């Protein structure tokens, strides 16, 4: 909390999780920067979930060569994600920075899905305004959730080999009845916020950086989490997916191929199903393309 609890904030050092995502998917430098930013923010949003089973899914669908960028965060800061086109590389911008905007695109949609264990998930959406991701999330919070927000996201990579030297993010949001004076106090230190990623890359600890950034804002810390790039896929989950396609499709799969191989988009792990396994799943499937229990 900040400024006598008039605002709340969440900050993340996601250096290792972005490194893990880069290695898992073989991300290009620009894809690492783009997906890394989205992973950071999705992890941050997930820590705001109230229940352990809640999830947050974010989808960036721009008109750039990235295709869709999809991330899923779970309570506690664990997050997974993938890019449709992870190996696309682009020339550096004129200022020698990675062209995240060119990779994502400047038009399209940002969708945020909160699955809170209710009958239907909450789905919010807004148009992309820059493709730089941080600005797009700030626009989403303001336009779709009426929650004025400051969003910073930064991924720093070694120019020679693309090694991630630092990755961090910060989300600051107003609380109900936040006084203008508190907002003015935050805006007074706004120029310090973009130093977060650079300072993480230089080896400073997140707590030390925040202590310095918010030295005039009476910061109070309420929770600490350990973020991680972690997939929760399982054979059981994919079995349910196969059952859900229904008897007709499963029968065709057995007759034509006699086996199936499913690969998780989030982590690349493959699951094999032989004829006997598929026939067992067929016995559980229903004629209407799904089971009664979801």
C-alpha atoms as a PDB file:
ATOM      1  CA  UNK A   1       0.000   0.000   0.000  1.00  0.00           C
ATOM      2  CA  UNK A   2       1.080   3.612  -0.611  1.00  0.00           C
ATOM      3  CA  UNK A   3       0.262   7.102   0.632  1.00  0.00           C
ATOM      4  CA  UNK A   4      -1.696   6.156   3.763  1.00  0.00           C
ATOM      5  CA  UNK A   5      -3.304   3.225   1.924  1.00  0.00           C
ATOM      6  CA  UNK A   6      -4.814   5.444  -0.754  1.00  0.00           C
ATOM      7  CA  UNK A   7      -3.159   3.325  -3.436  1.00  0.00           C
ATOM      8  CA  UNK A   8      -2.063  -0.269  -3.812  1.00  0.00           C
ATOM      9  CA  UNK A   9       0.882  -1.604  -5.735  1.00  0.00           C
ATOM     10  CA  UNK A  10       2.418  -4.895  -6.795  1.00  0.00           C
ATOM     11  CA  UNK A  11       6.003  -5.202  -8.006  1.00  0.00           C
ATOM     12  CA  UNK A  12       7.778  -8.189  -9.524  1.00  0.00           C
ATOM     13  CA  UNK A  13      11.303  -9.360 -10.226  1.00  0.00           C
ATOM     14  CA  UNK A  14      10.558 -11.901 -12.935  1.00  0.00           C
ATOM     15  CA  UNK A  15      14.065 -12.253 -14.325  1.00  0.00           C
ATOM     16  CA  UNK A  16      14.222 -16.022 -13.858  1.00  0.00           C
ATOM     17  CA  UNK A  17      10.695 -16.709 -15.070  1.00  0.00           C
ATOM     18  CA  UNK A  18      11.365 -14.820 -18.313  1.00  0.00           C
ATOM     19  CA  UNK A  19      14.642 -16.716 -18.743  1.00  0.00           C
ATOM     20  CA  UNK A  20      12.732 -19.983 -18.295  1.00  0.00           C
ATOM     21  CA  UNK A  21      10.097 -18.946 -20.840  1.00  0.00           C
ATOM     22  CA  UNK A  22      12.801 -17.961 -23.326  1.00  0.00           C
ATOM     23  CA  UNK A  23      14.498 -21.340 -22.981  1.00  0.00           C
ATOM     24  CA  UNK A  24      11.264 -23.356 -23.058  1.00  0.00           C
ATOM     25  CA  UNK A  25       9.977 -21.799 -26.273  1.00  0.00           C
ATOM     26  CA  UNK A  26      13.218 -20.818 -28.024  1.00  0.00           C
ATOM     27  CA  UNK A  27      12.049 -17.211 -28.079  1.00  0.00           C
ATOM     28  CA  UNK A  28      13.708 -14.657 -30.318  1.00  0.00           C
ATOM     29  CA  UNK A  29      14.992 -11.499 -28.647  1.00  0.00           C
ATOM     30  CA  UNK A  30      11.926  -9.436 -29.544  1.00  0.00           C
ATOM     31  CA  UNK A  31       9.571 -12.307 -28.636  1.00  0.00           C
ATOM     32  CA  UNK A  32      11.323 -12.594 -25.265  1.00  0.00           C
ATOM     33  CA  UNK A  33      10.714  -8.904 -24.621  1.00  0.00           C
ATOM     34  CA  UNK A  34       7.056  -9.050 -25.673  1.00  0.00           C
ATOM     35  CA  UNK A  35       5.988 -12.318 -24.057  1.00  0.00           C
ATOM     36  CA  UNK A  36       8.170 -11.499 -21.054  1.00  0.00           C
ATOM     37  CA  UNK A  37       6.293  -8.260 -20.419  1.00  0.00           C
ATOM     38  CA  UNK A  38       2.951 -10.022 -20.664  1.00  0.00           C
ATOM     39  CA  UNK A  39       4.096 -12.838 -18.364  1.00  0.00           C
ATOM     40  CA  UNK A  40       5.198 -10.275 -15.771  1.00  0.00           C
ATOM     41  CA  UNK A  41       1.852  -8.472 -15.760  1.00  0.00           C
ATOM     42  CA  UNK A  42      -0.188 -11.687 -15.787  1.00  0.00           C
ATOM     43  CA  UNK A  43       1.764 -12.950 -12.778  1.00  0.00           C
ATOM     44  CA  UNK A  44       1.162  -9.646 -10.971  1.00  0.00           C
ATOM     45  CA  UNK A  45      -2.578  -9.714 -11.678  1.00  0.00           C
ATOM     46  CA  UNK A  46      -2.768 -13.318 -10.483  1.00  0.00           C
ATOM     47  CA  UNK A  47      -1.341 -12.366  -7.081  1.00  0.00           C
ATOM     48  CA  UNK A  48      -4.413 -10.154  -6.607  1.00  0.00           C
ATOM     49  CA  UNK A  49      -6.704 -13.201  -6.825  1.00  0.00           C
ATOM     50  CA  UNK A  50      -8.492 -13.989  -3.568  1.00  0.00           C
ATOM     51  CA  UNK A  51      -8.779 -17.767  -3.916  1.00  0.00           C
ATOM     52  CA  UNK A  52      -6.102 -20.396  -4.552  1.00  0.00           C
ATOM     53  CA  UNK A  53      -8.041 -21.858  -7.492  1.00  0.00           C
ATOM     54  CA  UNK A  54      -8.601 -18.535  -9.297  1.00  0.00           C
ATOM     55  CA  UNK A  55      -6.833 -17.998 -12.628  1.00  0.00           C
ATOM     56  CA  UNK A  56      -6.211 -15.037 -14.897  1.00  0.00           C
ATOM     57  CA  UNK A  57      -5.757 -15.412 -18.657  1.00  0.00           C
ATOM     58  CA  UNK A  58      -4.483 -12.572 -20.841  1.00  0.00           C
ATOM     59  CA  UNK A  59      -4.519 -12.664 -24.636  1.00  0.00           C
ATOM     60  CA  UNK A  60      -2.803 -10.128 -26.882  1.00  0.00           C
ATOM     61  CA  UNK A  61      -4.107 -10.442 -30.432  1.00  0.00           C
ATOM     62  CA  UNK A  62      -2.434  -7.760 -32.518  1.00  0.00           C
ATOM     63  CA  UNK A  63      -1.870  -7.307 -36.228  1.00  0.00           C
ATOM     64  CA  UNK A  64       1.893  -7.894 -35.987  1.00  0.00           C
ATOM     65  CA  UNK A  65       3.847 -11.064 -36.833  1.00  0.00           C
ATOM     66  CA  UNK A  66       3.674 -12.359 -33.241  1.00  0.00           C
ATOM     67  CA  UNK A  67       0.275 -13.945 -33.730  1.00  0.00           C
ATOM     68  CA  UNK A  68      -1.492 -14.428 -30.404  1.00  0.00           C
ATOM     69  CA  UNK A  69       0.348 -14.028 -27.116  1.00  0.00           C
ATOM     70  CA  UNK A  70      -1.406 -16.075 -24.407  1.00  0.00           C
ATOM     71  CA  UNK A  71      -0.573 -16.166 -20.693  1.00  0.00           C
ATOM     72  CA  UNK A  72      -2.283 -17.829 -17.731  1.00  0.00           C
ATOM     73  CA  UNK A  73      -1.502 -16.821 -14.154  1.00  0.00           C
ATOM     74  CA  UNK A  74      -2.395 -18.684 -10.981  1.00  0.00           C
ATOM     75  CA  UNK A  75      -2.711 -17.526  -7.400  1.00  0.00           C
ATOM     76  CA  UNK A  76       0.732 -17.118  -5.891  1.00  0.00           C
ATOM     77  CA  UNK A  77       2.380 -15.735  -9.016  1.00  0.00           C
ATOM     78  CA  UNK A  78       2.939 -18.904 -11.077  1.00  0.00           C
ATOM     79  CA  UNK A  79       2.424 -18.184 -14.760  1.00  0.00           C
ATOM     80  CA  UNK A  80       2.662 -19.915 -18.131  1.00  0.00           C
ATOM     81  CA  UNK A  81       2.472 -18.522 -21.638  1.00  0.00           C
ATOM     82  CA  UNK A  82       3.311 -18.881 -25.303  1.00  0.00           C
ATOM     83  CA  UNK A  83       3.555 -16.902 -28.533  1.00  0.00           C
ATOM     84  CA  UNK A  84       2.107 -18.232 -31.780  1.00  0.00           C
ATOM     85  CA  UNK A  85       5.296 -17.234 -33.612  1.00  0.00           C
ATOM     86  CA  UNK A  86       8.109 -17.372 -31.034  1.00  0.00           C
ATOM     87  CA  UNK A  87      11.057 -17.325 -33.456  1.00  0.00           C
ATOM     88  CA  UNK A  88      10.206 -14.164 -35.419  1.00  0.00           C
ATOM     89  CA  UNK A  89      12.987 -11.584 -35.154  1.00  0.00           C
ATOM     90  CA  UNK A  90      12.819  -7.935 -36.204  1.00  0.00           C
ATOM     91  CA  UNK A  91      15.480  -5.274 -36.794  1.00  0.00           C
ATOM     92  CA  UNK A  92      16.150  -2.932 -33.882  1.00  0.00           C
ATOM     93  CA  UNK A  93      14.344   0.388 -33.824  1.00  0.00           C
ATOM     94  CA  UNK A  94      16.131   3.618 -34.706  1.00  0.00           C
ATOM     95  CA  UNK A  95      16.894   4.119 -30.999  1.00  0.00           C
ATOM     96  CA  UNK A  96      18.561   0.657 -30.878  1.00  0.00           C
ATOM     97  CA  UNK A  97      15.738  -0.856 -28.777  1.00  0.00           C
ATOM     98  CA  UNK A  98      13.791  -4.016 -29.534  1.00  0.00           C
ATOM     99  CA  UNK A  99      10.750  -3.406 -31.726  1.00  0.00           C
ATOM    100  CA  UNK A 100       8.065  -4.866 -29.473  1.00  0.00           C
ATOM    101  CA  UNK A 101       5.421  -2.676 -31.090  1.00  0.00           C
ATOM    102  CA  UNK A 102       6.339  -3.966 -34.535  1.00  0.00           C
ATOM    103  CA  UNK A 103       6.202  -7.552 -33.273  1.00  0.00           C
ATOM    104  CA  UNK A 104       2.829  -7.275 -31.508  1.00  0.00           C
ATOM    105  CA  UNK A 105       1.174  -4.745 -33.812  1.00  0.00           C
ATOM    106  CA  UNK A 106      -0.571  -1.455 -33.125  1.00  0.00           C
ATOM    107  CA  UNK A 107      -4.152  -2.588 -33.643  1.00  0.00           C
ATOM    108  CA  UNK A 108      -6.020  -5.531 -32.196  1.00  0.00           C
ATOM    109  CA  UNK A 109      -7.429  -6.604 -28.844  1.00  0.00           C
ATOM    110  CA  UNK A 110      -6.257  -7.221 -25.305  1.00  0.00           C
ATOM    111  CA  UNK A 111      -8.538  -9.692 -23.545  1.00  0.00           C
ATOM    112  CA  UNK A 112      -8.420 -10.515 -19.847  1.00  0.00           C
ATOM    113  CA  UNK A 113     -10.342 -13.485 -18.457  1.00  0.00           C
ATOM    114  CA  UNK A 114     -10.753 -13.951 -14.713  1.00  0.00           C
ATOM    115  CA  UNK A 115     -11.912 -17.445 -13.751  1.00  0.00           C
ATOM    116  CA  UNK A 116     -13.036 -17.058 -10.148  1.00  0.00           C
ATOM    117  CA  UNK A 117     -14.765 -20.410  -9.836  1.00  0.00           C
ATOM    118  CA  UNK A 118     -18.172 -18.979 -10.674  1.00  0.00           C
ATOM    119  CA  UNK A 119     -20.575 -20.313 -13.285  1.00  0.00           C
ATOM    120  CA  UNK A 120     -19.109 -18.052 -15.949  1.00  0.00           C
ATOM    121  CA  UNK A 121     -15.687 -16.338 -16.026  1.00  0.00           C
ATOM    122  CA  UNK A 122     -15.409 -12.563 -16.175  1.00  0.00           C
ATOM    123  CA  UNK A 123     -14.199 -11.415 -19.591  1.00  0.00           C
ATOM    124  CA  UNK A 124     -12.927  -7.890 -20.260  1.00  0.00           C
ATOM    125  CA  UNK A 125     -11.553  -6.476 -23.478  1.00  0.00           C
ATOM    126  CA  UNK A 126     -10.070  -3.309 -24.927  1.00  0.00           C
ATOM    127  CA  UNK A 127      -8.390  -2.178 -28.130  1.00  0.00           C
ATOM    128  CA  UNK A 128      -4.611  -2.073 -28.284  1.00  0.00           C
ATOM    129  CA  UNK A 129      -3.340   1.485 -28.196  1.00  0.00           C
ATOM    130  CA  UNK A 130       0.385   1.005 -28.760  1.00  0.00           C
ATOM    131  CA  UNK A 131       1.489  -2.620 -28.840  1.00  0.00           C
ATOM    132  CA  UNK A 132       4.099  -1.822 -26.203  1.00  0.00           C
ATOM    133  CA  UNK A 133       2.044  -3.928 -23.721  1.00  0.00           C
ATOM    134  CA  UNK A 134       2.459  -1.807 -20.565  1.00  0.00           C
ATOM    135  CA  UNK A 135       0.449   1.038 -22.095  1.00  0.00           C
ATOM    136  CA  UNK A 136      -2.135  -1.441 -23.337  1.00  0.00           C
ATOM    137  CA  UNK A 137      -2.623  -2.942 -19.863  1.00  0.00           C
ATOM    138  CA  UNK A 138      -2.910   0.544 -18.355  1.00  0.00           C
ATOM    139  CA  UNK A 139      -5.589   1.343 -20.936  1.00  0.00           C
ATOM    140  CA  UNK A 140      -7.388  -1.919 -20.135  1.00  0.00           C
ATOM    141  CA  UNK A 141      -7.530  -1.232 -16.393  1.00  0.00           C
ATOM    142  CA  UNK A 142      -8.784   2.298 -16.951  1.00  0.00           C
ATOM    143  CA  UNK A 143     -11.303   1.632 -19.725  1.00  0.00           C
ATOM    144  CA  UNK A 144     -12.576  -1.868 -18.905  1.00  0.00           C
ATOM    145  CA  UNK A 145     -12.320  -1.989 -15.101  1.00  0.00           C
ATOM    146  CA  UNK A 146     -12.545   1.731 -14.281  1.00  0.00           C
ATOM    147  CA  UNK A 147      -9.334   1.357 -12.286  1.00  0.00           C
ATOM    148  CA  UNK A 148      -6.861   4.173 -13.040  1.00  0.00           C
ATOM    149  CA  UNK A 149      -3.426   2.540 -13.078  1.00  0.00           C
ATOM    150  CA  UNK A 150       0.261   3.060 -13.672  1.00  0.00           C
ATOM    151  CA  UNK A 151       1.901   0.096 -15.390  1.00  0.00           C
ATOM    152  CA  UNK A 152       5.613  -0.424 -15.957  1.00  0.00           C
ATOM    153  CA  UNK A 153       7.048  -3.537 -17.646  1.00  0.00           C
ATOM    154  CA  UNK A 154      10.657  -4.008 -18.686  1.00  0.00           C
ATOM    155  CA  UNK A 155      12.760  -6.887 -20.014  1.00  0.00           C
ATOM    156  CA  UNK A 156      16.488  -6.281 -20.439  1.00  0.00           C
ATOM    157  CA  UNK A 157      18.594  -8.570 -22.626  1.00  0.00           C
ATOM    158  CA  UNK A 158      22.276  -8.840 -23.404  1.00  0.00           C
ATOM    159  CA  UNK A 159      22.871  -7.322 -26.843  1.00  0.00           C
ATOM    160  CA  UNK A 160      25.305 -10.064 -27.844  1.00  0.00           C
ATOM    161  CA  UNK A 161      23.358 -13.224 -27.063  1.00  0.00           C
ATOM    162  CA  UNK A 162      19.889 -12.196 -25.862  1.00  0.00           C
ATOM    163  CA  UNK A 163      20.486 -13.449 -22.314  1.00  0.00           C
ATOM    164  CA  UNK A 164      17.878 -11.924 -19.976  1.00  0.00           C
ATOM    165  CA  UNK A 165      19.764  -9.757 -17.474  1.00  0.00           C
ATOM    166  CA  UNK A 166      16.708  -8.322 -15.744  1.00  0.00           C
ATOM    167  CA  UNK A 167      12.903  -8.375 -15.998  1.00  0.00           C
ATOM    168  CA  UNK A 168      10.570  -6.438 -13.753  1.00  0.00           C
ATOM    169  CA  UNK A 169       7.158  -4.909 -13.527  1.00  0.00           C
ATOM    170  CA  UNK A 170       5.134  -2.546 -11.384  1.00  0.00           C
ATOM    171  CA  UNK A 171       1.388  -1.953 -11.088  1.00  0.00           C
ATOM    172  CA  UNK A 172       0.027   0.979  -9.060  1.00  0.00           C
ATOM    173  CA  UNK A 173      -3.750   1.438  -8.689  1.00  0.00           C
ATOM    174  CA  UNK A 174      -5.993   3.841  -6.839  1.00  0.00           C
ATOM    175  CA  UNK A 175      -8.180   2.618  -4.000  1.00  0.00           C
ATOM    176  CA  UNK A 176     -11.800   3.802  -3.571  1.00  0.00           C
ATOM    177  CA  UNK A 177     -12.034   7.481  -2.665  1.00  0.00           C
ATOM    178  CA  UNK A 178      -8.354   8.015  -3.355  1.00  0.00           C
ATOM    179  CA  UNK A 179      -7.620  11.726  -2.773  1.00  0.00           C
ATOM    180  CA  UNK A 180      -6.032  13.798  -5.518  1.00  0.00           C
ATOM    181  CA  UNK A 181      -3.137  14.576  -3.191  1.00  0.00           C
ATOM    182  CA  UNK A 182      -2.127  10.902  -3.112  1.00  0.00           C
ATOM    183  CA  UNK A 183      -2.174  10.695  -6.899  1.00  0.00           C
ATOM    184  CA  UNK A 184      -0.039  13.825  -7.101  1.00  0.00           C
ATOM    185  CA  UNK A 185       2.491  12.256  -4.732  1.00  0.00           C
ATOM    186  CA  UNK A 186       2.788   9.199  -6.974  1.00  0.00           C
ATOM    187  CA  UNK A 187       3.064  11.238 -10.148  1.00  0.00           C
ATOM    188  CA  UNK A 188       5.891  13.184  -8.549  1.00  0.00           C
ATOM    189  CA  UNK A 189       8.052  10.045  -8.581  1.00  0.00           C
ATOM    190  CA  UNK A 190       6.838   8.719 -11.949  1.00  0.00           C
ATOM    191  CA  UNK A 191      10.159   9.417 -13.623  1.00  0.00           C
ATOM    192  CA  UNK A 192      11.888   7.017 -11.199  1.00  0.00           C
ATOM    193  CA  UNK A 193       9.689   4.030 -12.096  1.00  0.00           C
ATOM    194  CA  UNK A 194      11.331   3.146 -15.457  1.00  0.00           C
ATOM    195  CA  UNK A 195      14.624   2.622 -13.622  1.00  0.00           C
ATOM    196  CA  UNK A 196      13.246  -0.596 -12.086  1.00  0.00           C
ATOM    197  CA  UNK A 197      14.236  -2.907 -14.943  1.00  0.00           C
ATOM    198  CA  UNK A 198      17.685  -1.368 -15.338  1.00  0.00           C
ATOM    199  CA  UNK A 199      18.401  -1.652 -11.632  1.00  0.00           C
ATOM    200  CA  UNK A 200      17.315  -5.299 -11.580  1.00  0.00           C
ATOM    201  CA  UNK A 201      19.638  -5.931 -14.528  1.00  0.00           C
ATOM    202  CA  UNK A 202      22.425  -4.278 -12.541  1.00  0.00           C
ATOM    203  CA  UNK A 203      21.901  -6.789  -9.747  1.00  0.00           C
ATOM    204  CA  UNK A 204      19.955  -4.729  -7.189  1.00  0.00           C
ATOM    205  CA  UNK A 205      17.392  -6.556  -5.058  1.00  0.00           C
ATOM    206  CA  UNK A 206      13.728  -5.742  -5.657  1.00  0.00           C
ATOM    207  CA  UNK A 207      13.115  -4.776  -2.017  1.00  0.00           C
ATOM    208  CA  UNK A 208      15.999  -2.303  -2.059  1.00  0.00           C
ATOM    209  CA  UNK A 209      14.763  -0.730  -5.282  1.00  0.00           C
ATOM    210  CA  UNK A 210      11.211  -0.346  -3.951  1.00  0.00           C
ATOM    211  CA  UNK A 211      12.459   1.128  -0.683  1.00  0.00           C
ATOM    212  CA  UNK A 212      14.234   3.789  -2.711  1.00  0.00           C
ATOM    213  CA  UNK A 213      11.435   4.395  -5.232  1.00  0.00           C
ATOM    214  CA  UNK A 214       8.769   4.822  -2.555  1.00  0.00           C
ATOM    215  CA  UNK A 215      10.874   6.501   0.121  1.00  0.00           C
ATOM    216  CA  UNK A 216       8.450   9.444   0.255  1.00  0.00           C
ATOM    217  CA  UNK A 217       5.203   7.455  -0.027  1.00  0.00           C
ATOM    218  CA  UNK A 218       4.888   5.551   3.266  1.00  0.00           C
ATOM    219  CA  UNK A 219       5.014   2.110   1.630  1.00  0.00           C
ATOM    220  CA  UNK A 220       3.465  -0.801   3.559  1.00  0.00           C
ATOM    221  CA  UNK A 221       4.058  -4.389   2.397  1.00  0.00           C
ATOM    222  CA  UNK A 222       1.248  -6.911   2.862  1.00  0.00           C
ATOM    223  CA  UNK A 223       2.292 -10.078   0.977  1.00  0.00           C
ATOM    224  CA  UNK A 224       5.291 -11.621  -0.746  1.00  0.00           C
ATOM    225  CA  UNK A 225       5.206 -14.265  -3.477  1.00  0.00           C
ATOM    226  CA  UNK A 226       7.778 -16.153  -5.527  1.00  0.00           C
ATOM    227  CA  UNK A 227       6.904 -15.869  -9.242  1.00  0.00           C
ATOM    228  CA  UNK A 228       7.734 -18.755 -11.548  1.00  0.00           C
ATOM    229  CA  UNK A 229       7.260 -19.888 -15.130  1.00  0.00           C
ATOM    230  CA  UNK A 230       5.373 -23.095 -14.411  1.00  0.00           C
ATOM    231  CA  UNK A 231       2.943 -25.210 -16.415  1.00  0.00           C
ATOM    232  CA  UNK A 232       0.187 -27.188 -14.710  1.00  0.00           C
ATOM    233  CA  UNK A 233      -0.665 -29.450 -17.644  1.00  0.00           C
ATOM    234  CA  UNK A 234      -1.324 -33.121 -16.924  1.00  0.00           C
ATOM    235  CA  UNK A 235      -2.338 -36.320 -18.664  1.00  0.00           C
ATOM    236  CA  UNK A 236      -5.653 -36.232 -16.800  1.00  0.00           C
ATOM    237  CA  UNK A 237      -6.448 -32.772 -18.144  1.00  0.00           C
ATOM    238  CA  UNK A 238      -5.753 -33.856 -21.717  1.00  0.00           C
ATOM    239  CA  UNK A 239      -7.834 -36.981 -21.202  1.00  0.00           C
ATOM    240  CA  UNK A 240     -10.768 -34.732 -20.312  1.00  0.00           C
ATOM    241  CA  UNK A 241     -10.091 -32.700 -23.452  1.00  0.00           C
ATOM    242  CA  UNK A 242     -10.227 -35.834 -25.605  1.00  0.00           C
ATOM    243  CA  UNK A 243     -13.421 -37.013 -23.923  1.00  0.00           C
ATOM    244  CA  UNK A 244     -15.010 -33.628 -24.566  1.00  0.00           C
ATOM    245  CA  UNK A 245     -14.699 -33.938 -28.362  1.00  0.00           C
ATOM    246  CA  UNK A 246     -17.351 -36.667 -28.288  1.00  0.00           C
ATOM    247  CA  UNK A 247     -17.820 -40.243 -29.464  1.00  0.00           C
ATOM    248  CA  UNK A 248     -17.913 -39.497 -33.196  1.00  0.00           C
ATOM    249  CA  UNK A 249     -14.576 -37.673 -33.301  1.00  0.00           C
ATOM    250  CA  UNK A 250     -12.905 -40.167 -30.967  1.00  0.00           C
ATOM    251  CA  UNK A 251     -14.138 -43.087 -33.049  1.00  0.00           C
ATOM    252  CA  UNK A 252     -12.748 -41.487 -36.217  1.00  0.00           C
ATOM    253  CA  UNK A 253      -9.439 -40.899 -34.467  1.00  0.00           C
ATOM    254  CA  UNK A 254      -9.209 -44.548 -33.415  1.00  0.00           C
ATOM    255  CA  UNK A 255     -10.209 -45.893 -36.839  1.00  0.00           C
ATOM    256  CA  UNK A 256      -7.960 -43.585 -38.861  1.00  0.00           C
ATOM    257  CA  UNK A 257      -4.863 -43.267 -36.672  1.00  0.00           C
ATOM    258  CA  UNK A 258      -5.210 -45.738 -33.821  1.00  0.00           C
ATOM    259  CA  UNK A 259      -3.309 -43.344 -31.560  1.00  0.00           C
ATOM    260  CA  UNK A 260      -2.938 -39.693 -30.612  1.00  0.00           C
ATOM    261  CA  UNK A 261      -0.172 -37.364 -29.528  1.00  0.00           C
ATOM    262  CA  UNK A 262      -1.077 -34.112 -27.787  1.00  0.00           C
ATOM    263  CA  UNK A 263       1.491 -31.428 -27.073  1.00  0.00           C
ATOM    264  CA  UNK A 264       0.999 -28.677 -24.502  1.00  0.00           C
ATOM    265  CA  UNK A 265       1.417 -25.259 -26.101  1.00  0.00           C
ATOM    266  CA  UNK A 266       2.561 -23.734 -22.822  1.00  0.00           C
ATOM    267  CA  UNK A 267       5.495 -26.035 -22.045  1.00  0.00           C
ATOM    268  CA  UNK A 268       6.018 -28.287 -25.071  1.00  0.00           C
ATOM    269  CA  UNK A 269       5.450 -31.536 -23.176  1.00  0.00           C
ATOM    270  CA  UNK A 270       3.939 -34.330 -25.284  1.00  0.00           C
ATOM    271  CA  UNK A 271       1.434 -36.957 -24.153  1.00  0.00           C
ATOM    272  CA  UNK A 272       0.949 -40.237 -26.007  1.00  0.00           C
ATOM    273  CA  UNK A 273      -2.368 -42.112 -26.207  1.00  0.00           C
ATOM    274  CA  UNK A 274      -2.402 -45.581 -27.761  1.00  0.00           C
ATOM    275  CA  UNK A 275      -5.457 -47.398 -29.126  1.00  0.00           C
ATOM    276  CA  UNK A 276      -6.328 -48.971 -25.770  1.00  0.00           C
ATOM    277  CA  UNK A 277      -6.189 -45.589 -24.029  1.00  0.00           C
ATOM    278  CA  UNK A 278      -8.384 -43.979 -26.677  1.00  0.00           C
ATOM    279  CA  UNK A 279     -10.922 -46.819 -26.520  1.00  0.00           C
ATOM    280  CA  UNK A 280     -11.100 -46.374 -22.752  1.00  0.00           C
ATOM    281  CA  UNK A 281     -11.787 -42.661 -23.210  1.00  0.00           C
ATOM    282  CA  UNK A 282     -14.385 -43.485 -25.891  1.00  0.00           C
ATOM    283  CA  UNK A 283     -16.302 -45.504 -23.325  1.00  0.00           C
ATOM    284  CA  UNK A 284     -16.549 -42.373 -21.163  1.00  0.00           C
ATOM    285  CA  UNK A 285     -17.532 -39.998 -23.956  1.00  0.00           C
ATOM    286  CA  UNK A 286     -21.141 -39.104 -24.747  1.00  0.00           C
ATOM    287  CA  UNK A 287     -22.901 -38.724 -28.073  1.00  0.00           C
ATOM    288  CA  UNK A 288     -23.339 -34.966 -27.715  1.00  0.00           C
ATOM    289  CA  UNK A 289     -19.651 -34.138 -27.790  1.00  0.00           C
ATOM    290  CA  UNK A 290     -18.941 -33.906 -24.100  1.00  0.00           C
ATOM    291  CA  UNK A 291     -19.540 -35.215 -20.623  1.00  0.00           C
ATOM    292  CA  UNK A 292     -22.161 -34.018 -18.203  1.00  0.00           C
ATOM    293  CA  UNK A 293     -19.537 -33.057 -15.661  1.00  0.00           C
ATOM    294  CA  UNK A 294     -17.159 -30.228 -16.635  1.00  0.00           C
END
